[in-house]
């Protein structure tokens, strides 16, 4: 069920051309199911996820500024933990270079992201 999400190419191209520099990916995202994600009990802890059933768990730092959403509604970390029990997809967004989680969305993602179905 692992799908990698990418920022819209047009937005990246415009930002690269506007600044005259090279285009860089700042944020990446993963689409997972709730059983693939283990959330920390408090902000600032570590999130663990498995990209596949046989994959080793990966650790991501959950920064104190990370945002949590169920659909488009902002929620607390404790509310998010309850929502991972649903069958809705979990989108984990993280900083590409630093690896810390920037936001987590459960449910339909209205992010304008383009899905890479590989």
Protein backbone atom coordinates (compact mmCIF):
# COMPACT_ATOMS: atom_id res chain seq x y z
CA UNK A 1 0.00 0.00 0.00
CA UNK A 2 3.04 2.23 0.11
CA UNK A 3 2.79 5.15 -2.27
CA UNK A 4 5.19 8.03 -2.44
CA UNK A 5 3.70 11.46 -2.90
CA UNK A 6 5.51 14.23 -4.70
CA UNK A 7 5.00 17.99 -4.77
CA UNK A 8 3.34 19.24 -7.94
CA UNK A 9 5.98 19.55 -10.65
CA UNK A 10 4.66 22.87 -11.87
CA UNK A 11 5.03 24.44 -8.43
CA UNK A 12 8.60 23.18 -8.14
CA UNK A 13 9.52 24.47 -11.59
CA UNK A 14 8.07 27.91 -10.90
CA UNK A 15 9.92 28.19 -7.58
CA UNK A 16 13.17 27.11 -9.25
CA UNK A 17 12.80 29.55 -12.12
CA UNK A 18 11.72 32.45 -9.94
CA UNK A 19 14.80 32.22 -7.76
CA UNK A 20 17.14 31.49 -10.65
CA UNK A 21 18.51 28.50 -8.73
CA UNK A 22 18.11 24.79 -8.99
CA UNK A 23 14.90 23.05 -8.03
CA UNK A 24 15.01 21.17 -4.73
CA UNK A 25 12.57 18.91 -2.95
CA UNK A 26 11.92 20.33 0.51
CA UNK A 27 9.21 18.00 1.76
CA UNK A 28 8.34 14.39 0.98
CA UNK A 29 5.35 12.31 2.03
CA UNK A 30 4.32 8.71 2.51
CA UNK A 31 0.84 7.23 2.23
CA UNK A 32 0.42 4.39 4.71
CA UNK A 33 -2.29 2.49 6.53
CA UNK A 34 -2.83 2.97 10.26
CA UNK A 35 -1.19 -0.35 11.18
CA UNK A 36 2.04 0.76 9.45
CA UNK A 37 2.44 3.81 11.73
CA UNK A 38 3.30 3.94 15.43
CA UNK A 39 2.78 7.44 16.83
CA UNK A 40 4.61 8.71 19.90
CA UNK A 41 2.74 9.40 23.11
CA UNK A 42 3.88 13.05 23.11
CA UNK A 43 5.10 15.70 20.67
CA UNK A 44 8.87 15.69 20.33
CA UNK A 45 8.98 11.88 20.41
CA UNK A 46 9.71 9.47 17.61
CA UNK A 47 7.28 8.14 15.02
CA UNK A 48 7.99 4.65 13.68
CA UNK A 49 6.67 3.38 10.38
CA UNK A 50 7.01 0.34 8.16
CA UNK A 51 6.84 0.87 4.41
CA UNK A 52 5.89 -2.80 3.95
CA UNK A 53 5.10 -5.82 6.16
CA UNK A 54 8.62 -7.22 5.76
CA UNK A 55 10.39 -3.84 6.02
CA UNK A 56 12.33 -2.83 9.10
CA UNK A 57 10.75 0.03 11.07
CA UNK A 58 12.03 3.51 10.23
CA UNK A 59 12.29 6.23 12.87
CA UNK A 60 11.27 9.85 12.23
CA UNK A 61 11.52 12.66 14.76
CA UNK A 62 8.21 14.34 15.53
CA UNK A 63 9.01 18.00 16.07
CA UNK A 64 7.08 20.21 18.47
CA UNK A 65 5.79 22.24 15.48
CA UNK A 66 4.33 19.24 13.63
CA UNK A 67 0.68 19.70 12.65
CA UNK A 68 -1.98 16.97 12.85
CA UNK A 69 -5.19 16.73 10.83
CA UNK A 70 -8.11 14.38 10.41
CA UNK A 71 -9.25 15.33 6.95
CA UNK A 72 -8.94 19.13 6.95
CA UNK A 73 -9.68 19.51 10.68
CA UNK A 74 -6.71 20.28 12.96
CA UNK A 75 -6.52 17.83 15.90
CA UNK A 76 -4.32 17.10 18.90
CA UNK A 77 -1.83 14.23 18.92
CA UNK A 78 -4.13 12.20 21.18
CA UNK A 79 -7.04 12.66 18.74
CA UNK A 80 -4.74 11.68 15.88
CA UNK A 81 -3.73 8.50 17.73
CA UNK A 82 -7.40 7.49 17.96
CA UNK A 83 -7.98 8.23 14.27
CA UNK A 84 -5.14 5.88 13.17
CA UNK A 85 -7.39 3.00 14.22
CA UNK A 86 -9.70 3.73 11.28
CA UNK A 87 -9.24 2.29 7.81
CA UNK A 88 -8.40 5.74 6.42
CA UNK A 89 -4.98 6.33 4.85
CA UNK A 90 -2.30 8.07 6.90
CA UNK A 91 -0.17 10.69 5.13
CA UNK A 92 3.16 11.39 6.84
CA UNK A 93 4.94 14.51 5.55
CA UNK A 94 8.59 14.98 6.44
CA UNK A 95 11.45 17.37 5.71
CA UNK A 96 13.49 15.78 2.90
CA UNK A 97 16.97 16.61 4.26
CA UNK A 98 16.42 16.69 8.02
CA UNK A 99 13.93 13.82 8.23
CA UNK A 100 11.64 15.37 10.87
CA UNK A 101 7.87 15.06 10.50
CA UNK A 102 6.16 18.32 9.53
CA UNK A 103 2.54 17.13 9.50
CA UNK A 104 0.35 14.05 9.55
CA UNK A 105 -3.02 13.85 7.84
CA UNK A 106 -5.48 11.00 8.33
CA UNK A 107 -8.22 10.52 5.79
CA UNK A 108 -8.67 12.07 2.41
CA UNK A 109 -5.79 14.36 1.62
CA UNK A 110 -6.68 17.62 -0.10
CA UNK A 111 -3.06 18.64 -0.42
CA UNK A 112 -2.88 19.12 -4.17
CA UNK A 113 -0.24 16.41 -4.22
CA UNK A 114 0.45 14.23 -7.23
CA UNK A 115 0.58 10.52 -6.46
CA UNK A 116 3.37 8.39 -7.85
CA UNK A 117 1.64 5.01 -8.31
CA UNK A 118 4.85 2.99 -8.71
